[in-house]
Amino acid sequence: MNNPEATGEALAILRSWENFQWYVVFMIVVVMFIYFSEIQKKNWRGIAAGMSLYMVHWFVEIINSLFQVFTGHALWTIPTGTAFLILIGVGIEISLMFSIMGLAVSKILPEDPREKILGIPSRLFVAILNAGIVSILEIILIMTPTFVWVWEWWNALTVFIFVYIPFFVVSCYCYYWEPKQQRIVIGTMAAINIALLVIFIGILGWI
């Protein structure tokens, strides 16, 4: 097991305001500006891509927190370096980043969903490409004290397959769905996430 003491360090700052920094307020305003700009342009498909990735992000983070509850250690954790640790594996900075990641990636999706890149459907190609890029960036992150893969079998390949491919595949495919399907999928995921947070934080106090 890699750096198991990181779990205790993360739990010690979980939802504590002691490390709060004012740059968080600035980041929130930047995210608001980005989404308000897209709303002004009526870029509903891009917004759907952003929100769908963000919903998958929250579901995965909840699962990671529950993994810590049942095994004693999360798959990944943030023991230091965040202004506010929301769940054991996600600080406010990471969450705000993922809130616009899907929207950002949608900017390179072609208008025609039938278009292919190197013989691969464009949406799948873009999803896998970005999943790979972010997985590589995570390798850099674990070289710092701010991000830890606790279990020795959790690595860039597993995070690529089980975390980032779902992130970007859902986002890139959601971009092309009909508005009704987008609303149903995003709304359903949001309802599930809210229910899980209410149960496991508000009622049971597990995560």
N, C-alpha and C. Protein backbone atom coordinates (compact mmCIF):
# COMPACT_ATOMS: atom_id res chain seq x y z
N MET A 1 0.85 -1.19 0.00
CA MET A 1 0.00 0.00 0.00
C MET A 1 0.88 1.24 0.00
N ASN A 2 0.55 2.20 -0.85
CA ASN A 2 1.34 3.42 -0.97
C ASN A 2 0.82 4.51 -0.04
N ASN A 3 1.67 4.99 0.85
CA ASN A 3 1.35 6.14 1.69
C ASN A 3 0.00 6.02 2.38
N PRO A 4 -0.25 4.97 3.18
CA PRO A 4 -1.55 4.81 3.83
C PRO A 4 -1.86 5.91 4.84
N GLU A 5 -0.82 6.59 5.34
CA GLU A 5 -1.07 7.67 6.30
C GLU A 5 -1.79 8.86 5.66
N ALA A 6 -1.80 8.89 4.31
CA ALA A 6 -2.50 9.97 3.61
C ALA A 6 -3.99 9.96 3.92
N THR A 7 -4.54 8.78 4.20
CA THR A 7 -5.97 8.69 4.53
C THR A 7 -6.28 9.49 5.78
N GLY A 8 -5.50 9.27 6.83
CA GLY A 8 -5.72 10.01 8.07
C GLY A 8 -5.53 11.50 7.90
N GLU A 9 -4.53 11.89 7.09
CA GLU A 9 -4.27 13.31 6.85
C GLU A 9 -5.45 13.95 6.12
N ALA A 10 -6.01 13.22 5.16
CA ALA A 10 -7.15 13.75 4.42
C ALA A 10 -8.39 13.86 5.31
N LEU A 11 -8.64 12.83 6.10
CA LEU A 11 -9.80 12.85 6.99
C LEU A 11 -9.70 13.98 8.01
N ALA A 12 -8.48 14.37 8.36
CA ALA A 12 -8.28 15.43 9.35
C ALA A 12 -8.68 16.80 8.82
N ILE A 13 -8.65 16.97 7.49
CA ILE A 13 -9.03 18.27 6.92
C ILE A 13 -10.35 18.21 6.16
N LEU A 14 -11.03 17.06 6.22
CA LEU A 14 -12.28 16.89 5.47
C LEU A 14 -13.32 17.92 5.88
N ARG A 15 -13.76 18.72 4.91
CA ARG A 15 -14.75 19.78 5.08
C ARG A 15 -14.41 20.72 6.24
N SER A 16 -13.12 20.96 6.42
CA SER A 16 -12.65 21.95 7.39
C SER A 16 -12.39 23.26 6.67
N TRP A 17 -12.73 24.37 7.31
CA TRP A 17 -12.54 25.68 6.69
C TRP A 17 -11.19 26.30 7.06
N GLU A 18 -10.37 25.58 7.79
CA GLU A 18 -9.11 26.15 8.28
C GLU A 18 -8.14 26.51 7.16
N ASN A 19 -8.20 25.80 6.05
CA ASN A 19 -7.27 26.05 4.95
C ASN A 19 -7.85 26.91 3.83
N PHE A 20 -9.01 27.51 4.09
CA PHE A 20 -9.68 28.27 3.03
C PHE A 20 -8.81 29.40 2.50
N GLN A 21 -8.85 29.58 1.17
CA GLN A 21 -8.11 30.66 0.51
C GLN A 21 -9.06 31.43 -0.40
N TRP A 22 -8.81 32.75 -0.53
CA TRP A 22 -9.72 33.60 -1.29
C TRP A 22 -9.74 33.30 -2.79
N TYR A 23 -8.71 32.64 -3.30
CA TYR A 23 -8.71 32.35 -4.73
C TYR A 23 -9.88 31.46 -5.12
N VAL A 24 -10.45 30.73 -4.16
CA VAL A 24 -11.60 29.88 -4.46
C VAL A 24 -12.78 30.72 -4.94
N VAL A 25 -12.98 31.87 -4.32
CA VAL A 25 -14.07 32.75 -4.73
C VAL A 25 -13.86 33.20 -6.17
N PHE A 26 -12.63 33.54 -6.50
CA PHE A 26 -12.31 33.94 -7.87
C PHE A 26 -12.59 32.81 -8.85
N MET A 27 -12.20 31.59 -8.49
CA MET A 27 -12.43 30.43 -9.36
C MET A 27 -13.91 30.19 -9.59
N ILE A 28 -14.71 30.36 -8.55
CA ILE A 28 -16.16 30.17 -8.68
C ILE A 28 -16.74 31.20 -9.65
N VAL A 29 -16.28 32.44 -9.54
CA VAL A 29 -16.77 33.50 -10.44
C VAL A 29 -16.35 33.21 -11.88
N VAL A 30 -15.14 32.69 -12.07
CA VAL A 30 -14.68 32.34 -13.42
C VAL A 30 -15.57 31.26 -14.03
N VAL A 31 -15.89 30.23 -13.24
CA VAL A 31 -16.77 29.16 -13.72
C VAL A 31 -18.15 29.73 -14.06
N MET A 32 -18.66 30.60 -13.19
CA MET A 32 -19.95 31.24 -13.46
C MET A 32 -19.90 32.04 -14.76
N PHE A 33 -18.83 32.80 -14.95
CA PHE A 33 -18.70 33.61 -16.17
C PHE A 33 -18.69 32.73 -17.41
N ILE A 34 -17.96 31.62 -17.34
CA ILE A 34 -17.87 30.71 -18.48
C ILE A 34 -19.25 30.16 -18.83
N TYR A 35 -19.98 29.68 -17.83
CA TYR A 35 -21.30 29.11 -18.11
C TYR A 35 -22.31 30.17 -18.51
N PHE A 36 -22.26 31.33 -17.88
CA PHE A 36 -23.19 32.40 -18.27
C PHE A 36 -22.93 32.85 -19.70
N SER A 37 -21.66 32.84 -20.12
CA SER A 37 -21.33 33.20 -21.49
C SER A 37 -21.90 32.18 -22.47
N GLU A 38 -21.82 30.90 -22.11
CA GLU A 38 -22.36 29.85 -22.97
C GLU A 38 -23.89 29.91 -23.01
N ILE A 39 -24.50 30.25 -21.89
CA ILE A 39 -25.96 30.42 -21.87
C ILE A 39 -26.36 31.58 -22.77
N GLN A 40 -25.60 32.67 -22.71
CA GLN A 40 -25.88 33.84 -23.55
C GLN A 40 -25.82 33.46 -25.03
N LYS A 41 -24.87 32.56 -25.37
CA LYS A 41 -24.72 32.11 -26.76
C LYS A 41 -25.66 30.96 -27.10
N LYS A 42 -26.46 30.53 -26.10
CA LYS A 42 -27.37 29.41 -26.27
C LYS A 42 -26.64 28.14 -26.73
N ASN A 43 -25.48 27.93 -26.17
CA ASN A 43 -24.69 26.74 -26.48
C ASN A 43 -25.13 25.60 -25.55
N TRP A 44 -26.35 25.14 -25.75
CA TRP A 44 -26.92 24.13 -24.85
C TRP A 44 -26.22 22.80 -24.95
N ARG A 45 -25.73 22.48 -26.13
CA ARG A 45 -25.02 21.20 -26.28
C ARG A 45 -23.71 21.20 -25.49
N GLY A 46 -23.00 22.31 -25.55
CA GLY A 46 -21.76 22.43 -24.78
C GLY A 46 -22.02 22.38 -23.29
N ILE A 47 -23.09 23.03 -22.86
CA ILE A 47 -23.46 23.02 -21.45
C ILE A 47 -23.82 21.60 -21.01
N ALA A 48 -24.53 20.88 -21.88
CA ALA A 48 -24.88 19.49 -21.57
C ALA A 48 -23.63 18.63 -21.44
N ALA A 49 -22.65 18.85 -22.32
CA ALA A 49 -21.39 18.11 -22.24
C ALA A 49 -20.69 18.40 -20.92
N GLY A 50 -20.70 19.66 -20.52
CA GLY A 50 -20.07 20.04 -19.26
C GLY A 50 -20.76 19.45 -18.05
N MET A 51 -22.08 19.54 -18.02
CA MET A 51 -22.83 19.06 -16.86
C MET A 51 -22.82 17.53 -16.75
N SER A 52 -22.83 16.85 -17.89
CA SER A 52 -22.83 15.38 -17.84
C SER A 52 -21.51 14.87 -17.28
N LEU A 53 -20.39 15.47 -17.72
CA LEU A 53 -19.10 15.06 -17.15
C LEU A 53 -19.06 15.35 -15.66
N TYR A 54 -19.59 16.51 -15.28
CA TYR A 54 -19.56 16.89 -13.86
C TYR A 54 -20.39 15.94 -13.00
N MET A 55 -21.49 15.45 -13.53
CA MET A 55 -22.29 14.50 -12.78
C MET A 55 -21.57 13.16 -12.61
N VAL A 56 -20.89 12.71 -13.66
CA VAL A 56 -20.11 11.47 -13.55
C VAL A 56 -18.98 11.67 -12.54
N HIS A 57 -18.35 12.82 -12.59
CA HIS A 57 -17.29 13.16 -11.64
C HIS A 57 -17.77 13.00 -10.19
N TRP A 58 -18.93 13.55 -9.89
CA TRP A 58 -19.44 13.45 -8.53
C TRP A 58 -19.78 12.02 -8.13
N PHE A 59 -20.35 11.27 -9.06
CA PHE A 59 -20.68 9.87 -8.75
C PHE A 59 -19.41 9.08 -8.44
N VAL A 60 -18.37 9.28 -9.24
CA VAL A 60 -17.12 8.57 -9.03
C VAL A 60 -16.48 8.96 -7.69
N GLU A 61 -16.56 10.23 -7.35
CA GLU A 61 -15.99 10.69 -6.07
C GLU A 61 -16.76 10.11 -4.88
N ILE A 62 -18.05 9.97 -5.01
CA ILE A 62 -18.84 9.36 -3.94
C ILE A 62 -18.45 7.89 -3.78
N ILE A 63 -18.28 7.18 -4.91
CA ILE A 63 -17.86 5.78 -4.85
C ILE A 63 -16.49 5.66 -4.19
N ASN A 64 -15.58 6.56 -4.53
CA ASN A 64 -14.25 6.55 -3.91
C ASN A 64 -14.34 6.75 -2.39
N SER A 65 -15.22 7.63 -1.97
CA SER A 65 -15.40 7.87 -0.54
C SER A 65 -15.98 6.64 0.15
N LEU A 66 -16.93 5.98 -0.50
CA LEU A 66 -17.50 4.76 0.08
C LEU A 66 -16.47 3.64 0.11
N PHE A 67 -15.58 3.61 -0.87
CA PHE A 67 -14.50 2.62 -0.87
C PHE A 67 -13.65 2.78 0.39
N GLN A 68 -13.41 4.03 0.77
CA GLN A 68 -12.65 4.30 1.99
C GLN A 68 -13.40 3.81 3.23
N VAL A 69 -14.71 4.00 3.24
CA VAL A 69 -15.52 3.58 4.38
C VAL A 69 -15.43 2.06 4.58
N PHE A 70 -15.53 1.32 3.49
CA PHE A 70 -15.62 -0.13 3.60
C PHE A 70 -14.27 -0.84 3.63
N THR A 71 -13.20 -0.18 3.18
CA THR A 71 -11.88 -0.82 3.17
C THR A 71 -10.87 -0.14 4.08
N GLY A 72 -11.18 1.06 4.52
CA GLY A 72 -10.26 1.81 5.35
C GLY A 72 -9.43 2.82 4.59
N HIS A 73 -9.36 2.67 3.25
CA HIS A 73 -8.58 3.60 2.43
C HIS A 73 -9.28 3.83 1.10
N ALA A 74 -9.29 5.09 0.66
CA ALA A 74 -9.84 5.42 -0.64
C ALA A 74 -8.85 5.00 -1.73
N LEU A 75 -9.30 4.98 -2.97
CA LEU A 75 -8.41 4.69 -4.09
C LEU A 75 -7.44 5.84 -4.31
N TRP A 76 -7.94 7.05 -4.19
CA TRP A 76 -7.11 8.24 -4.28
C TRP A 76 -7.56 9.21 -3.19
N THR A 77 -6.65 10.04 -2.76
CA THR A 77 -6.99 10.97 -1.69
C THR A 77 -6.17 12.23 -1.79
N ILE A 78 -6.62 13.28 -1.12
CA ILE A 78 -5.93 14.57 -1.12
C ILE A 78 -5.60 14.94 0.33
N PRO A 79 -4.38 14.66 0.76
CA PRO A 79 -4.03 14.90 2.15
C PRO A 79 -3.65 16.34 2.46
N THR A 80 -3.36 17.12 1.43
CA THR A 80 -2.92 18.49 1.66
C THR A 80 -3.05 19.30 0.37
N GLY A 81 -2.88 20.61 0.47
CA GLY A 81 -2.80 21.46 -0.71
C GLY A 81 -4.11 22.01 -1.24
N THR A 82 -5.23 21.66 -0.63
CA THR A 82 -6.52 22.18 -1.09
C THR A 82 -7.07 23.19 -0.09
N ALA A 83 -7.79 24.16 -0.61
CA ALA A 83 -8.40 25.15 0.27
C ALA A 83 -9.64 24.61 0.96
N PHE A 84 -10.23 23.57 0.39
CA PHE A 84 -11.41 22.95 1.01
C PHE A 84 -11.58 21.55 0.44
N LEU A 85 -11.46 20.55 1.29
CA LEU A 85 -11.62 19.15 0.88
C LEU A 85 -13.09 18.77 1.01
N ILE A 86 -13.75 18.57 -0.11
CA ILE A 86 -15.19 18.29 -0.12
C ILE A 86 -15.46 16.84 0.27
N LEU A 87 -14.80 15.92 -0.43
CA LEU A 87 -14.82 14.49 -0.11
C LEU A 87 -13.36 14.05 -0.06
N ILE A 88 -13.11 12.86 0.43
CA ILE A 88 -11.73 12.44 0.68
C ILE A 88 -10.84 12.51 -0.55
N GLY A 89 -11.42 12.40 -1.74
CA GLY A 89 -10.61 12.41 -2.96
C GLY A 89 -10.81 13.61 -3.84
N VAL A 90 -11.54 14.61 -3.37
CA VAL A 90 -11.78 15.78 -4.23
C VAL A 90 -11.79 17.07 -3.43
N GLY A 91 -10.89 17.96 -3.82
CA GLY A 91 -10.86 19.30 -3.27
C GLY A 91 -11.68 20.24 -4.14
N ILE A 92 -11.93 21.42 -3.63
CA ILE A 92 -12.77 22.39 -4.35
C ILE A 92 -12.15 22.76 -5.69
N GLU A 93 -10.82 22.81 -5.76
CA GLU A 93 -10.16 23.20 -7.01
C GLU A 93 -10.38 22.17 -8.10
N ILE A 94 -10.23 20.89 -7.75
CA ILE A 94 -10.45 19.82 -8.73
C ILE A 94 -11.90 19.80 -9.19
N SER A 95 -12.81 19.97 -8.25
CA SER A 95 -14.23 19.93 -8.61
C SER A 95 -14.60 21.08 -9.55
N LEU A 96 -14.07 22.26 -9.29
CA LEU A 96 -14.34 23.39 -10.18
C LEU A 96 -13.73 23.16 -11.56
N MET A 97 -12.55 22.54 -11.58
CA MET A 97 -11.92 22.22 -12.86
C MET A 97 -12.81 21.28 -13.68
N PHE A 98 -13.29 20.21 -13.03
CA PHE A 98 -14.13 19.25 -13.75
C PHE A 98 -15.49 19.83 -14.12
N SER A 99 -15.91 20.88 -13.45
CA SER A 99 -17.20 21.49 -13.79
C SER A 99 -17.18 22.12 -15.18
N ILE A 100 -15.99 22.46 -15.67
CA ILE A 100 -15.90 23.06 -17.02
C ILE A 100 -15.13 22.17 -18.00
N MET A 101 -14.61 21.04 -17.54
CA MET A 101 -13.80 20.19 -18.40
C MET A 101 -14.60 19.69 -19.61
N GLY A 102 -15.80 19.19 -19.37
CA GLY A 102 -16.61 18.69 -20.47
C GLY A 102 -16.98 19.77 -21.46
N LEU A 103 -17.27 20.96 -20.96
CA LEU A 103 -17.57 22.10 -21.83
C LEU A 103 -16.35 22.45 -22.68
N ALA A 104 -15.17 22.43 -22.06
CA ALA A 104 -13.95 22.74 -22.81
C ALA A 104 -13.71 21.72 -23.92
N VAL A 105 -13.87 20.44 -23.60
CA VAL A 105 -13.63 19.39 -24.60
C VAL A 105 -14.63 19.46 -25.74
N SER A 106 -15.85 19.90 -25.44
CA SER A 106 -16.87 19.98 -26.49
C SER A 106 -16.48 20.96 -27.59
N LYS A 107 -15.56 21.87 -27.29
CA LYS A 107 -15.14 22.86 -28.28
C LYS A 107 -14.39 22.24 -29.45
N ILE A 108 -13.85 21.03 -29.27
CA ILE A 108 -13.12 20.40 -30.37
C ILE A 108 -13.91 19.27 -31.02
N LEU A 109 -15.16 19.08 -30.59
CA LEU A 109 -16.02 18.08 -31.23
C LEU A 109 -16.56 18.63 -32.54
N PRO A 110 -16.54 17.84 -33.61
CA PRO A 110 -17.08 18.32 -34.89
C PRO A 110 -18.60 18.45 -34.83
N GLU A 111 -19.13 19.28 -35.67
CA GLU A 111 -20.57 19.47 -35.71
C GLU A 111 -21.29 18.21 -36.18
N ASP A 112 -20.68 17.48 -37.08
CA ASP A 112 -21.29 16.27 -37.63
C ASP A 112 -20.91 15.07 -36.77
N PRO A 113 -21.87 14.45 -36.10
CA PRO A 113 -21.56 13.32 -35.24
C PRO A 113 -21.09 12.09 -36.00
N ARG A 114 -21.30 12.08 -37.32
CA ARG A 114 -20.88 10.94 -38.13
C ARG A 114 -19.43 11.03 -38.56
N GLU A 115 -18.80 12.16 -38.29
CA GLU A 115 -17.40 12.35 -38.70
C GLU A 115 -16.49 11.39 -37.95
N LYS A 116 -15.44 10.93 -38.66
CA LYS A 116 -14.48 10.01 -38.05
C LYS A 116 -13.08 10.61 -38.05
N ILE A 117 -12.29 10.19 -37.10
CA ILE A 117 -10.89 10.59 -37.01
C ILE A 117 -10.06 9.32 -36.96
N LEU A 118 -9.19 9.14 -37.95
CA LEU A 118 -8.38 7.92 -38.07
C LEU A 118 -9.25 6.66 -38.08
N GLY A 119 -10.43 6.79 -38.69
CA GLY A 119 -11.34 5.67 -38.80
C GLY A 119 -12.17 5.39 -37.57
N ILE A 120 -12.02 6.21 -36.54
CA ILE A 120 -12.74 6.04 -35.27
C ILE A 120 -13.79 7.13 -35.17
N PRO A 121 -15.01 6.81 -34.70
CA PRO A 121 -16.01 7.86 -34.50
C PRO A 121 -15.42 9.02 -33.72
N SER A 122 -15.62 10.23 -34.20
CA SER A 122 -14.93 11.40 -33.65
C SER A 122 -15.18 11.57 -32.15
N ARG A 123 -16.41 11.34 -31.72
CA ARG A 123 -16.71 11.54 -30.29
C ARG A 123 -15.94 10.54 -29.42
N LEU A 124 -15.79 9.30 -29.90
CA LEU A 124 -15.04 8.29 -29.16
C LEU A 124 -13.55 8.62 -29.17
N PHE A 125 -13.05 9.07 -30.31
CA PHE A 125 -11.64 9.43 -30.43
C PHE A 125 -11.30 10.57 -29.48
N VAL A 126 -12.12 11.62 -29.48
CA VAL A 126 -11.89 12.77 -28.61
C VAL A 126 -11.97 12.36 -27.14
N ALA A 127 -12.92 11.49 -26.81
CA ALA A 127 -13.08 11.04 -25.43
C ALA A 127 -11.86 10.28 -24.95
N ILE A 128 -11.39 9.32 -25.76
CA ILE A 128 -10.23 8.50 -25.36
C ILE A 128 -8.96 9.34 -25.31
N LEU A 129 -8.81 10.25 -26.27
CA LEU A 129 -7.64 11.12 -26.29
C LEU A 129 -7.55 11.95 -25.02
N ASN A 130 -8.65 12.57 -24.64
CA ASN A 130 -8.65 13.41 -23.45
C ASN A 130 -8.52 12.60 -22.17
N ALA A 131 -9.12 11.40 -22.15
CA ALA A 131 -8.96 10.52 -21.00
C ALA A 131 -7.49 10.17 -20.81
N GLY A 132 -6.79 9.93 -21.91
CA GLY A 132 -5.37 9.63 -21.84
C GLY A 132 -4.54 10.80 -21.36
N ILE A 133 -4.86 11.98 -21.86
CA ILE A 133 -4.12 13.19 -21.46
C ILE A 133 -4.27 13.44 -19.97
N VAL A 134 -5.49 13.36 -19.47
CA VAL A 134 -5.73 13.64 -18.05
C VAL A 134 -5.10 12.56 -17.17
N SER A 135 -5.09 11.33 -17.64
CA SER A 135 -4.45 10.25 -16.89
C SER A 135 -2.95 10.51 -16.75
N ILE A 136 -2.33 11.01 -17.81
CA ILE A 136 -0.91 11.36 -17.76
C ILE A 136 -0.67 12.52 -16.79
N LEU A 137 -1.55 13.49 -16.82
CA LEU A 137 -1.43 14.62 -15.89
C LEU A 137 -1.54 14.14 -14.44
N GLU A 138 -2.35 13.10 -14.23
CA GLU A 138 -2.49 12.58 -12.87
C GLU A 138 -1.20 11.91 -12.40
N ILE A 139 -0.43 11.36 -13.32
CA ILE A 139 0.87 10.81 -12.95
C ILE A 139 1.76 11.91 -12.40
N ILE A 140 1.68 13.09 -13.00
CA ILE A 140 2.46 14.23 -12.51
C ILE A 140 1.96 14.65 -11.13
N LEU A 141 0.65 14.61 -10.94
CA LEU A 141 0.08 15.02 -9.66
C LEU A 141 0.56 14.15 -8.50
N ILE A 142 0.66 12.83 -8.75
CA ILE A 142 1.05 11.96 -7.64
C ILE A 142 2.53 12.10 -7.28
N MET A 143 3.27 12.85 -8.06
CA MET A 143 4.65 13.15 -7.71
C MET A 143 4.73 14.29 -6.69
N THR A 144 3.59 14.89 -6.41
CA THR A 144 3.52 15.96 -5.42
C THR A 144 2.87 15.41 -4.16
N PRO A 145 2.97 16.11 -3.04
CA PRO A 145 2.33 15.63 -1.81
C PRO A 145 0.83 15.89 -1.75
N THR A 146 0.29 16.52 -2.78
CA THR A 146 -1.11 16.93 -2.73
C THR A 146 -2.09 15.89 -3.24
N PHE A 147 -1.58 14.83 -3.88
CA PHE A 147 -2.47 13.83 -4.47
C PHE A 147 -1.83 12.45 -4.32
N VAL A 148 -2.60 11.48 -3.83
CA VAL A 148 -2.02 10.17 -3.51
C VAL A 148 -2.90 9.04 -4.05
N TRP A 149 -2.28 8.10 -4.76
CA TRP A 149 -2.91 6.82 -5.04
C TRP A 149 -2.54 5.91 -3.88
N VAL A 150 -3.50 5.51 -3.08
CA VAL A 150 -3.19 4.80 -1.84
C VAL A 150 -2.88 3.32 -2.09
N TRP A 151 -3.67 2.67 -2.94
CA TRP A 151 -3.48 1.25 -3.21
C TRP A 151 -2.46 1.06 -4.33
N GLU A 152 -1.57 0.08 -4.16
CA GLU A 152 -0.51 -0.12 -5.13
C GLU A 152 -1.02 -0.56 -6.50
N TRP A 153 -2.23 -1.17 -6.54
CA TRP A 153 -2.78 -1.61 -7.82
C TRP A 153 -3.59 -0.53 -8.53
N TRP A 154 -3.75 0.63 -7.88
CA TRP A 154 -4.46 1.74 -8.52
C TRP A 154 -3.42 2.63 -9.19
N ASN A 155 -3.52 2.80 -10.50
CA ASN A 155 -2.48 3.50 -11.24
C ASN A 155 -3.06 4.24 -12.43
N ALA A 156 -2.19 4.72 -13.31
CA ALA A 156 -2.65 5.49 -14.46
C ALA A 156 -3.57 4.69 -15.37
N LEU A 157 -3.31 3.39 -15.51
CA LEU A 157 -4.15 2.56 -16.39
C LEU A 157 -5.54 2.37 -15.80
N THR A 158 -5.62 2.07 -14.50
CA THR A 158 -6.93 1.86 -13.89
C THR A 158 -7.74 3.16 -13.85
N VAL A 159 -7.07 4.27 -13.57
CA VAL A 159 -7.79 5.53 -13.54
C VAL A 159 -8.25 5.92 -14.95
N PHE A 160 -7.44 5.56 -15.95
CA PHE A 160 -7.81 5.80 -17.35
C PHE A 160 -9.08 5.03 -17.72
N ILE A 161 -9.12 3.74 -17.34
CA ILE A 161 -10.24 2.88 -17.72
C ILE A 161 -11.50 3.15 -16.91
N PHE A 162 -11.35 3.24 -15.59
CA PHE A 162 -12.52 3.27 -14.71
C PHE A 162 -12.99 4.67 -14.32
N VAL A 163 -12.16 5.68 -14.57
CA VAL A 163 -12.56 7.04 -14.20
C VAL A 163 -12.68 7.93 -15.44
N TYR A 164 -11.58 8.11 -16.16
CA TYR A 164 -11.58 9.13 -17.19
C TYR A 164 -12.28 8.73 -18.49
N ILE A 165 -12.23 7.47 -18.86
CA ILE A 165 -13.01 7.07 -20.04
C ILE A 165 -14.50 7.31 -19.80
N PRO A 166 -15.08 6.87 -18.65
CA PRO A 166 -16.49 7.22 -18.40
C PRO A 166 -16.75 8.72 -18.40
N PHE A 167 -15.84 9.51 -17.79
CA PHE A 167 -16.00 10.97 -17.78
C PHE A 167 -16.24 11.49 -19.19
N PHE A 168 -15.28 11.20 -20.07
CA PHE A 168 -15.26 11.84 -21.37
C PHE A 168 -16.18 11.18 -22.39
N VAL A 169 -16.40 9.87 -22.28
CA VAL A 169 -17.34 9.21 -23.18
C VAL A 169 -18.75 9.75 -22.96
N VAL A 170 -19.18 9.82 -21.71
CA VAL A 170 -20.51 10.36 -21.41
C VAL A 170 -20.63 11.79 -21.92
N SER A 171 -19.61 12.61 -21.66
CA SER A 171 -19.65 14.01 -22.06
C SER A 171 -19.70 14.17 -23.57
N CYS A 172 -18.82 13.45 -24.29
CA CYS A 172 -18.74 13.61 -25.74
C CYS A 172 -19.97 13.05 -26.46
N TYR A 173 -20.56 12.00 -25.90
CA TYR A 173 -21.77 11.45 -26.51
C TYR A 173 -22.99 12.30 -26.17
N CYS A 174 -23.02 12.80 -24.94
CA CYS A 174 -24.15 13.64 -24.51
C CYS A 174 -24.26 14.89 -25.38
N TYR A 175 -23.14 15.37 -25.85
CA TYR A 175 -23.11 16.58 -26.69
C TYR A 175 -24.04 16.46 -27.89
N TYR A 176 -24.17 15.25 -28.44
CA TYR A 176 -24.96 15.06 -29.66
C TYR A 176 -26.38 14.56 -29.40
N TRP A 177 -26.71 14.24 -28.18
CA TRP A 177 -28.04 13.73 -27.90
C TRP A 177 -29.10 14.81 -28.09
N GLU A 178 -30.34 14.35 -28.25
CA GLU A 178 -31.46 15.28 -28.30
C GLU A 178 -31.63 15.95 -26.93
N PRO A 179 -32.12 17.20 -26.91
CA PRO A 179 -32.25 17.92 -25.64
C PRO A 179 -33.01 17.17 -24.56
N LYS A 180 -34.07 16.46 -24.95
CA LYS A 180 -34.84 15.72 -23.95
C LYS A 180 -34.00 14.63 -23.31
N GLN A 181 -33.23 13.90 -24.13
CA GLN A 181 -32.38 12.85 -23.60
C GLN A 181 -31.29 13.43 -22.71
N GLN A 182 -30.74 14.57 -23.10
CA GLN A 182 -29.73 15.24 -22.28
C GLN A 182 -30.30 15.58 -20.90
N ARG A 183 -31.49 16.16 -20.89
CA ARG A 183 -32.11 16.56 -19.62
C ARG A 183 -32.39 15.33 -18.74
N ILE A 184 -32.86 14.25 -19.35
CA ILE A 184 -33.19 13.04 -18.58
C ILE A 184 -31.93 12.46 -17.95
N VAL A 185 -30.87 12.31 -18.76
CA VAL A 185 -29.64 11.69 -18.27
C VAL A 185 -28.98 12.56 -17.20
N ILE A 186 -28.82 13.84 -17.48
CA ILE A 186 -28.18 14.74 -16.52
C ILE A 186 -29.02 14.87 -15.25
N GLY A 187 -30.33 15.00 -15.43
CA GLY A 187 -31.21 15.11 -14.27
C GLY A 187 -31.20 13.86 -13.41
N THR A 188 -31.19 12.70 -14.07
CA THR A 188 -31.16 11.44 -13.32
C THR A 188 -29.86 11.30 -12.54
N MET A 189 -28.74 11.60 -13.19
CA MET A 189 -27.45 11.51 -12.51
C MET A 189 -27.38 12.50 -11.34
N ALA A 190 -27.91 13.70 -11.55
CA ALA A 190 -27.91 14.69 -10.48
C ALA A 190 -28.74 14.21 -9.29
N ALA A 191 -29.91 13.64 -9.58
CA ALA A 191 -30.78 13.14 -8.51
C ALA A 191 -30.10 12.01 -7.74
N ILE A 192 -29.42 11.12 -8.45
CA ILE A 192 -28.71 10.02 -7.79
C ILE A 192 -27.60 10.56 -6.89
N ASN A 193 -26.82 11.50 -7.41
CA ASN A 193 -25.73 12.07 -6.62
C ASN A 193 -26.23 12.79 -5.38
N ILE A 194 -27.29 13.57 -5.55
CA ILE A 194 -27.85 14.29 -4.40
C ILE A 194 -28.37 13.32 -3.35
N ALA A 195 -29.06 12.27 -3.81
CA ALA A 195 -29.59 11.27 -2.87
C ALA A 195 -28.46 10.59 -2.12
N LEU A 196 -27.38 10.22 -2.82
CA LEU A 196 -26.26 9.56 -2.18
C LEU A 196 -25.58 10.47 -1.17
N LEU A 197 -25.41 11.74 -1.51
CA LEU A 197 -24.78 12.69 -0.60
C LEU A 197 -25.65 12.92 0.64
N VAL A 198 -26.94 13.03 0.45
CA VAL A 198 -27.85 13.20 1.58
C VAL A 198 -27.79 11.99 2.51
N ILE A 199 -27.80 10.80 1.91
CA ILE A 199 -27.78 9.57 2.72
C ILE A 199 -26.45 9.40 3.44
N PHE A 200 -25.34 9.50 2.69
CA PHE A 200 -24.05 9.12 3.26
C PHE A 200 -23.33 10.25 4.00
N ILE A 201 -23.76 11.50 3.78
CA ILE A 201 -23.22 12.60 4.58
C ILE A 201 -24.24 13.08 5.59
N GLY A 202 -25.42 13.44 5.09
CA GLY A 202 -26.42 14.05 5.95
C GLY A 202 -27.05 13.10 6.97
N ILE A 203 -27.34 11.88 6.55
CA ILE A 203 -28.05 10.93 7.44
C ILE A 203 -27.08 10.01 8.17
N LEU A 204 -26.22 9.32 7.43
CA LEU A 204 -25.34 8.33 8.04
C LEU A 204 -24.00 8.93 8.51
N GLY A 205 -23.58 10.04 7.92
CA GLY A 205 -22.31 10.64 8.29
C GLY A 205 -21.11 9.80 7.95
N TRP A 206 -21.21 8.98 6.92
CA TRP A 206 -20.13 8.06 6.57
C TRP A 206 -19.00 8.75 5.81
N ILE A 207 -19.38 9.64 4.87
CA ILE A 207 -18.35 10.22 4.01
C ILE A 207 -18.23 11.71 4.23
